[in-house]
Amino acid sequence: MRLNPEIWPPGGWRYTQPETGCSFQSDTFLGLVAKVMEHRRSNNLDAGDPDSEIQDQIVEKVSAALRG
């Protein structure tokens, strides 16, 4: 499932970097991607695919909340 970056998910655009536990929030999807990329660079983490990883984490959190 892919999210529409023009529509905010419940709670806004948020992501927690698993390796560091650092959480990020932004008003825009692209702003969040930029913050995550900078954090990864600053901490010598693999660049990965932040676009997909952010979306996957949001979808998982929303799905878990819906399952109750």
PDB file of N, CA and C in Angstrom:
ATOM      1  N   MET A   1       0.835  -1.177   0.000  1.00  0.00           N
ATOM      2  CA  MET A   1       0.000   0.000   0.000  1.00  0.00           C
ATOM      3  C   MET A   1       0.881   1.242   0.000  1.00  0.00           C
ATOM      4  N   ARG A   2       0.580   2.180  -0.854  1.00  0.00           N
ATOM      5  CA  ARG A   2       1.328   3.430  -0.918  1.00  0.00           C
ATOM      6  C   ARG A   2       0.428   4.551  -0.440  1.00  0.00           C
ATOM      7  N   LEU A   3       0.975   5.475   0.295  1.00  0.00           N
ATOM      8  CA  LEU A   3       0.231   6.605   0.806  1.00  0.00           C
ATOM      9  C   LEU A   3       0.295   7.767  -0.175  1.00  0.00           C
ATOM     10  N   ASN A   4      -0.735   8.575  -0.181  1.00  0.00           N
ATOM     11  CA  ASN A   4      -0.751   9.790  -0.989  1.00  0.00           C
ATOM     12  C   ASN A   4      -0.087  10.887  -0.169  1.00  0.00           C
ATOM     13  N   PRO A   5       1.065  11.417  -0.609  1.00  0.00           N
ATOM     14  CA  PRO A   5       1.770  12.422   0.185  1.00  0.00           C
ATOM     15  C   PRO A   5       1.009  13.737   0.333  1.00  0.00           C
ATOM     16  N   GLU A   6      -0.080  13.894  -0.410  1.00  0.00           N
ATOM     17  CA  GLU A   6      -0.895  15.100  -0.304  1.00  0.00           C
ATOM     18  C   GLU A   6      -1.929  14.989   0.813  1.00  0.00           C
ATOM     19  N   ILE A   7      -2.145  13.784   1.330  1.00  0.00           N
ATOM     20  CA  ILE A   7      -3.122  13.552   2.393  1.00  0.00           C
ATOM     21  C   ILE A   7      -2.370  13.126   3.644  1.00  0.00           C
ATOM     22  N   TRP A   8      -2.575  13.827   4.738  1.00  0.00           N
ATOM     23  CA  TRP A   8      -1.874  13.501   5.980  1.00  0.00           C
ATOM     24  C   TRP A   8      -2.420  12.224   6.585  1.00  0.00           C
ATOM     25  N   PRO A   9      -1.540  11.346   7.032  1.00  0.00           N
ATOM     26  CA  PRO A   9      -2.006  10.166   7.781  1.00  0.00           C
ATOM     27  C   PRO A   9      -2.444  10.602   9.179  1.00  0.00           C
ATOM     28  N   PRO A  10      -3.208   9.781   9.881  1.00  0.00           N
ATOM     29  CA  PRO A  10      -3.593  10.128  11.248  1.00  0.00           C
ATOM     30  C   PRO A  10      -2.362  10.440  12.096  1.00  0.00           C
ATOM     31  N   GLY A  11      -2.355  11.571  12.765  1.00  0.00           N
ATOM     32  CA  GLY A  11      -1.208  11.955  13.587  1.00  0.00           C
ATOM     33  C   GLY A  11      -0.122  12.687  12.827  1.00  0.00           C
ATOM     34  N   GLY A  12      -0.307  12.893  11.519  1.00  0.00           N
ATOM     35  CA  GLY A  12       0.697  13.601  10.720  1.00  0.00           C
ATOM     36  C   GLY A  12       1.813  12.688  10.242  1.00  0.00           C
ATOM     37  N   TRP A  13       2.768  13.293   9.591  1.00  0.00           N
ATOM     38  CA  TRP A  13       3.914  12.551   9.047  1.00  0.00           C
ATOM     39  C   TRP A  13       4.937  12.343  10.152  1.00  0.00           C
ATOM     40  N   ARG A  14       5.100  11.088  10.564  1.00  0.00           N
ATOM     41  CA  ARG A  14       6.018  10.750  11.657  1.00  0.00           C
ATOM     42  C   ARG A  14       6.797   9.482  11.299  1.00  0.00           C
ATOM     43  N   TYR A  15       8.012   9.429  11.824  1.00  0.00           N
ATOM     44  CA  TYR A  15       8.848   8.244  11.592  1.00  0.00           C
ATOM     45  C   TYR A  15       9.816   8.113  12.752  1.00  0.00           C
ATOM     46  N   THR A  16      10.071   6.879  13.182  1.00  0.00           N
ATOM     47  CA  THR A  16      11.085   6.588  14.188  1.00  0.00           C
ATOM     48  C   THR A  16      12.154   5.728  13.545  1.00  0.00           C
ATOM     49  N   GLN A  17      13.402   6.195  13.623  1.00  0.00           N
ATOM     50  CA  GLN A  17      14.529   5.449  13.065  1.00  0.00           C
ATOM     51  C   GLN A  17      14.832   4.276  13.996  1.00  0.00           C
ATOM     52  N   PRO A  18      14.635   3.032  13.526  1.00  0.00           N
ATOM     53  CA  PRO A  18      14.803   1.866  14.410  1.00  0.00           C
ATOM     54  C   PRO A  18      16.170   1.769  15.084  1.00  0.00           C
ATOM     55  N   GLU A  19      17.231   2.059  14.360  1.00  0.00           N
ATOM     56  CA  GLU A  19      18.583   1.878  14.909  1.00  0.00           C
ATOM     57  C   GLU A  19      18.895   2.850  16.045  1.00  0.00           C
ATOM     58  N   THR A  20      18.312   4.041  16.013  1.00  0.00           N
ATOM     59  CA  THR A  20      18.655   5.059  17.012  1.00  0.00           C
ATOM     60  C   THR A  20      17.501   5.392  17.951  1.00  0.00           C
ATOM     61  N   GLY A  21      16.281   5.010  17.574  1.00  0.00           N
ATOM     62  CA  GLY A  21      15.115   5.350  18.381  1.00  0.00           C
ATOM     63  C   GLY A  21      14.705   6.809  18.252  1.00  0.00           C
ATOM     64  N   CYS A  22      15.373   7.547  17.383  1.00  0.00           N
ATOM     65  CA  CYS A  22      15.083   8.963  17.184  1.00  0.00           C
ATOM     66  C   CYS A  22      13.801   9.112  16.357  1.00  0.00           C
ATOM     67  N   SER A  23      12.882   9.970  16.834  1.00  0.00           N
ATOM     68  CA  SER A  23      11.611  10.180  16.143  1.00  0.00           C
ATOM     69  C   SER A  23      11.608  11.525  15.433  1.00  0.00           C
ATOM     70  N   PHE A  24      10.928  11.550  14.304  1.00  0.00           N
ATOM     71  CA  PHE A  24      10.854  12.763  13.479  1.00  0.00           C
ATOM     72  C   PHE A  24       9.415  13.051  13.107  1.00  0.00           C
ATOM     73  N   GLN A  25       9.106  14.327  12.922  1.00  0.00           N
ATOM     74  CA  GLN A  25       7.789  14.766  12.495  1.00  0.00           C
ATOM     75  C   GLN A  25       7.981  15.913  11.529  1.00  0.00           C
ATOM     76  N   SER A  26       7.087  15.981  10.542  1.00  0.00           N
ATOM     77  CA  SER A  26       7.127  17.087   9.593  1.00  0.00           C
ATOM     78  C   SER A  26       5.721  17.358   9.083  1.00  0.00           C
ATOM     79  N   ASP A  27       5.507  18.585   8.633  1.00  0.00           N
ATOM     80  CA  ASP A  27       4.219  18.955   8.053  1.00  0.00           C
ATOM     81  C   ASP A  27       4.040  18.374   6.655  1.00  0.00           C
ATOM     82  N   THR A  28       5.156  17.991   6.001  1.00  0.00           N
ATOM     83  CA  THR A  28       5.074  17.429   4.657  1.00  0.00           C
ATOM     84  C   THR A  28       5.832  16.111   4.594  1.00  0.00           C
ATOM     85  N   PHE A  29       5.423  15.268   3.670  1.00  0.00           N
ATOM     86  CA  PHE A  29       6.106  13.992   3.490  1.00  0.00           C
ATOM     87  C   PHE A  29       7.553  14.216   3.060  1.00  0.00           C
ATOM     88  N   LEU A  30       7.763  15.105   2.088  1.00  0.00           N
ATOM     89  CA  LEU A  30       9.125  15.353   1.607  1.00  0.00           C
ATOM     90  C   LEU A  30      10.009  15.954   2.697  1.00  0.00           C
ATOM     91  N   GLY A  31       9.429  16.774   3.565  1.00  0.00           N
ATOM     92  CA  GLY A  31      10.189  17.314   4.691  1.00  0.00           C
ATOM     93  C   GLY A  31      10.634  16.215   5.641  1.00  0.00           C
ATOM     94  N   LEU A  32       9.768  15.250   5.867  1.00  0.00           N
ATOM     95  CA  LEU A  32      10.110  14.127   6.731  1.00  0.00           C
ATOM     96  C   LEU A  32      11.210  13.279   6.106  1.00  0.00           C
ATOM     97  N   VAL A  33      11.104  13.012   4.819  1.00  0.00           N
ATOM     98  CA  VAL A  33      12.144  12.249   4.120  1.00  0.00           C
ATOM     99  C   VAL A  33      13.486  12.966   4.259  1.00  0.00           C
ATOM    100  N   ALA A  34      13.506  14.280   4.102  1.00  0.00           N
ATOM    101  CA  ALA A  34      14.755  15.052   4.212  1.00  0.00           C
ATOM    102  C   ALA A  34      15.344  14.935   5.615  1.00  0.00           C
ATOM    103  N   LYS A  35      14.512  15.019   6.652  1.00  0.00           N
ATOM    104  CA  LYS A  35      14.996  14.896   8.028  1.00  0.00           C
ATOM    105  C   LYS A  35      15.592  13.516   8.289  1.00  0.00           C
ATOM    106  N   VAL A  36      14.917  12.485   7.794  1.00  0.00           N
ATOM    107  CA  VAL A  36      15.401  11.118   7.999  1.00  0.00           C
ATOM    108  C   VAL A  36      16.729  10.906   7.259  1.00  0.00           C
ATOM    109  N   MET A  37      16.802  11.395   6.034  1.00  0.00           N
ATOM    110  CA  MET A  37      18.050  11.250   5.272  1.00  0.00           C
ATOM    111  C   MET A  37      19.210  11.953   5.970  1.00  0.00           C
ATOM    112  N   GLU A  38      18.978  13.151   6.485  1.00  0.00           N
ATOM    113  CA  GLU A  38      20.035  13.885   7.182  1.00  0.00           C
ATOM    114  C   GLU A  38      20.453  13.145   8.452  1.00  0.00           C
ATOM    115  N   HIS A  39      19.508  12.620   9.197  1.00  0.00           N
ATOM    116  CA  HIS A  39      19.815  11.855  10.407  1.00  0.00           C
ATOM    117  C   HIS A  39      20.665  10.633  10.071  1.00  0.00           C
ATOM    118  N   ARG A  40      20.283   9.935   9.015  1.00  0.00           N
ATOM    119  CA  ARG A  40      21.052   8.751   8.616  1.00  0.00           C
ATOM    120  C   ARG A  40      22.475   9.123   8.214  1.00  0.00           C
ATOM    121  N   ARG A  41      22.616  10.200   7.450  1.00  0.00           N
ATOM    122  CA  ARG A  41      23.969  10.650   7.059  1.00  0.00           C
ATOM    123  C   ARG A  41      24.789  10.997   8.295  1.00  0.00           C
ATOM    124  N   SER A  42      24.184  11.753   9.210  1.00  0.00           N
ATOM    125  CA  SER A  42      24.888  12.211  10.411  1.00  0.00           C
ATOM    126  C   SER A  42      25.300  11.069  11.328  1.00  0.00           C
ATOM    127  N   ASN A  43      24.598   9.955  11.249  1.00  0.00           N
ATOM    128  CA  ASN A  43      24.865   8.823  12.132  1.00  0.00           C
ATOM    129  C   ASN A  43      25.483   7.642  11.405  1.00  0.00           C
ATOM    130  N   ASN A  44      25.988   7.884  10.197  1.00  0.00           N
ATOM    131  CA  ASN A  44      26.651   6.846   9.402  1.00  0.00           C
ATOM    132  C   ASN A  44      25.790   5.604   9.231  1.00  0.00           C
ATOM    133  N   LEU A  45      24.483   5.815   9.024  1.00  0.00           N
ATOM    134  CA  LEU A  45      23.564   4.704   8.768  1.00  0.00           C
ATOM    135  C   LEU A  45      23.398   4.536   7.265  1.00  0.00           C
ATOM    136  N   ASP A  46      23.031   3.337   6.861  1.00  0.00           N
ATOM    137  CA  ASP A  46      22.752   3.065   5.463  1.00  0.00           C
ATOM    138  C   ASP A  46      21.639   4.001   4.984  1.00  0.00           C
ATOM    139  N   ALA A  47      21.803   4.575   3.798  1.00  0.00           N
ATOM    140  CA  ALA A  47      20.797   5.510   3.264  1.00  0.00           C
ATOM    141  C   ALA A  47      19.461   4.816   3.062  1.00  0.00           C
ATOM    142  N   GLY A  48      19.485   3.560   2.646  1.00  0.00           N
ATOM    143  CA  GLY A  48      18.257   2.802   2.451  1.00  0.00           C
ATOM    144  C   GLY A  48      17.297   3.480   1.484  1.00  0.00           C
ATOM    145  N   ASP A  49      16.021   3.268   1.690  1.00  0.00           N
ATOM    146  CA  ASP A  49      14.958   3.855   0.873  1.00  0.00           C
ATOM    147  C   ASP A  49      13.969   4.528   1.818  1.00  0.00           C
ATOM    148  N   PRO A  50      14.301   5.740   2.308  1.00  0.00           N
ATOM    149  CA  PRO A  50      13.462   6.355   3.322  1.00  0.00           C
ATOM    150  C   PRO A  50      12.017   6.555   2.881  1.00  0.00           C
ATOM    151  N   ASP A  51      11.787   6.823   1.608  1.00  0.00           N
ATOM    152  CA  ASP A  51      10.423   7.005   1.106  1.00  0.00           C
ATOM    153  C   ASP A  51       9.574   5.777   1.435  1.00  0.00           C
ATOM    154  N   SER A  52      10.033   4.620   1.029  1.00  0.00           N
ATOM    155  CA  SER A  52       9.289   3.380   1.271  1.00  0.00           C
ATOM    156  C   SER A  52       9.261   2.997   2.742  1.00  0.00           C
ATOM    157  N   GLU A  53      10.379   3.171   3.439  1.00  0.00           N
ATOM    158  CA  GLU A  53      10.457   2.778   4.843  1.00  0.00           C
ATOM    159  C   GLU A  53       9.530   3.621   5.714  1.00  0.00           C
ATOM    160  N   ILE A  54       9.434   4.910   5.431  1.00  0.00           N
ATOM    161  CA  ILE A  54       8.523   5.788   6.172  1.00  0.00           C
ATOM    162  C   ILE A  54       7.086   5.353   5.923  1.00  0.00           C
ATOM    163  N   GLN A  55       6.741   5.150   4.665  1.00  0.00           N
ATOM    164  CA  GLN A  55       5.376   4.744   4.340  1.00  0.00           C
ATOM    165  C   GLN A  55       5.039   3.400   4.973  1.00  0.00           C
ATOM    166  N   ASP A  56       5.955   2.451   4.907  1.00  0.00           N
ATOM    167  CA  ASP A  56       5.716   1.125   5.500  1.00  0.00           C
ATOM    168  C   ASP A  56       5.469   1.231   7.002  1.00  0.00           C
ATOM    169  N   GLN A  57       6.266   2.055   7.689  1.00  0.00           N
ATOM    170  CA  GLN A  57       6.105   2.192   9.135  1.00  0.00           C
ATOM    171  C   GLN A  57       4.758   2.836   9.475  1.00  0.00           C
ATOM    172  N   ILE A  58       4.354   3.858   8.730  1.00  0.00           N
ATOM    173  CA  ILE A  58       3.070   4.518   8.980  1.00  0.00           C
ATOM    174  C   ILE A  58       1.921   3.546   8.735  1.00  0.00           C
ATOM    175  N   VAL A  59       1.971   2.817   7.629  1.00  0.00           N
ATOM    176  CA  VAL A  59       0.907   1.858   7.316  1.00  0.00           C
ATOM    177  C   VAL A  59       0.819   0.804   8.410  1.00  0.00           C
ATOM    178  N   GLU A  60       1.955   0.317   8.887  1.00  0.00           N
ATOM    179  CA  GLU A  60       1.952  -0.699   9.943  1.00  0.00           C
ATOM    180  C   GLU A  60       1.334  -0.153  11.228  1.00  0.00           C
ATOM    181  N   LYS A  61       1.692   1.068  11.614  1.00  0.00           N
ATOM    182  CA  LYS A  61       1.150   1.649  12.844  1.00  0.00           C
ATOM    183  C   LYS A  61      -0.352   1.866  12.736  1.00  0.00           C
ATOM    184  N   VAL A  62      -0.807   2.361  11.597  1.00  0.00           N
ATOM    185  CA  VAL A  62      -2.255   2.590  11.416  1.00  0.00           C
ATOM    186  C   VAL A  62      -2.986   1.255  11.402  1.00  0.00           C
ATOM    187  N   SER A  63      -2.439   0.263  10.716  1.00  0.00           N
ATOM    188  CA  SER A  63      -3.061  -1.063  10.664  1.00  0.00           C
ATOM    189  C   SER A  63      -3.156  -1.677  12.055  1.00  0.00           C
ATOM    190  N   ALA A  64      -2.095  -1.553  12.839  1.00  0.00           N
ATOM    191  CA  ALA A  64      -2.102  -2.089  14.199  1.00  0.00           C
ATOM    192  C   ALA A  64      -3.153  -1.379  15.054  1.00  0.00           C
ATOM    193  N   ALA A  65      -3.283  -0.082  14.886  1.00  0.00           N
ATOM    194  CA  ALA A  65      -4.296   0.661  15.650  1.00  0.00           C
ATOM    195  C   ALA A  65      -5.708   0.239  15.263  1.00  0.00           C
ATOM    196  N   LEU A  66      -5.909  -0.036  13.989  1.00  0.00           N
ATOM    197  CA  LEU A  66      -7.228  -0.450  13.526  1.00  0.00           C
ATOM    198  C   LEU A  66      -7.586  -1.855  14.007  1.00  0.00           C
ATOM    199  N   ARG A  67      -6.564  -2.701  14.137  1.00  0.00           N
ATOM    200  CA  ARG A  67      -6.803  -4.067  14.626  1.00  0.00           C
ATOM    201  C   ARG A  67      -7.144  -4.062  16.114  1.00  0.00           C
ATOM    202  N   GLY A  68      -6.721  -2.983  16.785  1.00  0.00           N
ATOM    203  CA  GLY A  68      -7.088  -2.820  18.180  1.00  0.00           C
ATOM    204  C   GLY A  68      -6.214  -3.486  19.113  1.00  0.00           C
TER     205      GLY A  68
END
